[in-house]
Structures are given as C-alpha cells and as structure tokens.
C-alpha cells in the first residue's frame, strides 16, 4: 500500500501527498474486490507478475542479441513468448 501511494506521489510530481495516494490505492482495491470474483483478482495479479517477467525477458533478449549471444537471446525470446501466451490465454480457475 505504501509503495503504491509513494508511486502515485512520484507520478504526480509530489503535488499529491502519500496519504492521499494510499487512500486512492485503498479505494481502487476495494472497488476491485467488490466488483470481481476472488479467483479473477488472483488471475489479474498473476497476469501482472507474468507481464513484468515478460518485460524482463524482453530486455534480456535485447541485451543478449546486442552482445551477439544468439543462443541466450533465443532462450530469452522463448521465455518472452511463453509469458505472453500465459497473459493471453490464462483463465481463472472455477470452483
């Protein structure tokens, strides 16, 4: 919560207090919790983590490619493709 409030403060150029950022974060979290199934929320969070890892793999691919490490670049590209497939095709579990 503090991390999200701090990020909002930074995004708004310190014109927004951290306490207000925390309040906004809490209100958004409450709205998401009330409007979605718990399994959907977990699926969204999981997809967000996978998106982060996809970005990391993409950066690693570019770095390996620029250094002419083509085998590593291929593996990082495959990891990126798998992460993107998970984001596109993953569905929440049903009870």
Protein backbone atom coordinates (compact mmCIF):
# COMPACT_ATOMS: atom_id res chain seq x y z
CA UNK A 1 0.00 0.00 0.00
CA UNK A 2 2.78 2.42 0.91
CA UNK A 3 4.60 1.53 -2.28
CA UNK A 4 1.56 2.32 -4.41
CA UNK A 5 0.87 5.55 -2.54
CA UNK A 6 4.50 6.57 -2.96
CA UNK A 7 4.41 5.80 -6.68
CA UNK A 8 1.31 7.94 -7.11
CA UNK A 9 3.09 10.76 -5.26
CA UNK A 10 6.06 10.48 -7.63
CA UNK A 11 3.85 10.28 -10.72
CA UNK A 12 2.08 13.49 -9.74
CA UNK A 13 5.33 15.32 -9.07
CA UNK A 14 4.88 15.43 -5.28
CA UNK A 15 1.71 17.52 -5.65
CA UNK A 16 -0.17 14.58 -4.14
CA UNK A 17 0.54 13.56 -0.54
CA UNK A 18 1.38 9.93 0.20
CA UNK A 19 -1.66 9.71 2.49
CA UNK A 20 -3.92 10.67 -0.42
CA UNK A 21 -2.12 8.16 -2.64
CA UNK A 22 -2.75 5.48 -0.02
CA UNK A 23 -6.42 6.43 0.10
CA UNK A 24 -6.73 6.25 -3.69
CA UNK A 25 -5.00 2.86 -3.69
CA UNK A 26 -7.30 1.56 -0.95
CA UNK A 27 -10.41 2.76 -2.78
CA UNK A 28 -9.30 1.12 -6.02
CA UNK A 29 -8.52 -2.13 -4.17
CA UNK A 30 -11.96 -2.07 -2.51
CA UNK A 31 -13.67 -1.41 -5.84
CA UNK A 32 -11.82 -4.28 -7.50
CA UNK A 33 -12.62 -6.62 -4.60
CA UNK A 34 -16.32 -5.78 -4.71
CA UNK A 35 -16.62 -5.97 -8.48
CA UNK A 36 -14.68 -9.14 -9.24
CA UNK A 37 -14.58 -12.75 -8.19
CA UNK A 38 -11.65 -13.61 -5.90
CA UNK A 39 -10.31 -16.03 -8.50
CA UNK A 40 -10.43 -13.31 -11.14
CA UNK A 41 -8.48 -10.99 -8.85
CA UNK A 42 -5.83 -13.66 -8.34
CA UNK A 43 -5.71 -14.25 -12.11
CA UNK A 44 -5.26 -10.50 -12.74
CA UNK A 45 -2.45 -10.31 -10.18
CA UNK A 46 -0.77 -13.37 -11.67
CA UNK A 47 -1.02 -11.90 -15.15
CA UNK A 48 0.54 -8.67 -13.87
CA UNK A 49 3.50 -10.63 -12.49
CA UNK A 50 3.83 -12.54 -15.76
CA UNK A 51 3.74 -9.24 -17.68
CA UNK A 52 6.61 -7.98 -15.52
CA UNK A 53 8.59 -11.14 -16.24
CA UNK A 54 7.81 -10.79 -19.95
CA UNK A 55 9.30 -7.30 -19.89
CA UNK A 56 12.37 -8.59 -18.06
CA UNK A 57 12.79 -11.43 -20.56
CA UNK A 58 12.37 -8.99 -23.44
CA UNK A 59 15.08 -6.76 -22.04
CA UNK A 60 17.35 -9.77 -21.53
CA UNK A 61 16.69 -10.82 -25.14
CA UNK A 62 17.71 -7.41 -26.45
CA UNK A 63 20.82 -7.34 -24.31
CA UNK A 64 21.90 -10.84 -25.36
CA UNK A 65 21.17 -10.07 -29.02
CA UNK A 66 23.28 -6.89 -28.92
CA UNK A 67 26.14 -8.86 -27.37
CA UNK A 68 25.78 -11.46 -30.17
CA UNK A 69 24.90 -14.22 -27.70
CA UNK A 70 22.35 -15.72 -30.03
CA UNK A 71 21.64 -18.93 -28.09
CA UNK A 72 20.86 -16.96 -24.94
CA UNK A 73 18.84 -14.47 -26.97
CA UNK A 74 16.76 -17.31 -28.40
CA UNK A 75 16.06 -18.70 -24.92
CA UNK A 76 15.05 -15.28 -23.62
CA UNK A 77 12.82 -14.78 -26.65
CA UNK A 78 11.16 -18.14 -25.95
CA UNK A 79 10.61 -17.12 -22.32
CA UNK A 80 9.03 -13.88 -23.52
CA UNK A 81 6.75 -15.76 -25.91
CA UNK A 82 5.65 -18.17 -23.18
CA UNK A 83 4.90 -15.28 -20.82
CA UNK A 84 2.84 -13.53 -23.49
CA UNK A 85 0.93 -16.75 -24.18
CA UNK A 86 0.13 -17.06 -20.47
CA UNK A 87 -1.13 -13.48 -20.39
CA UNK A 88 -3.34 -14.00 -23.44
CA UNK A 89 -4.72 -17.48 -22.75
CA UNK A 90 -4.77 -17.96 -18.97
CA UNK A 91 -8.18 -18.13 -17.35
CA UNK A 92 -9.19 -18.04 -13.69
CA UNK A 93 -9.94 -21.37 -12.04
CA UNK A 94 -13.59 -22.11 -11.38
CA UNK A 95 -14.85 -23.53 -8.11
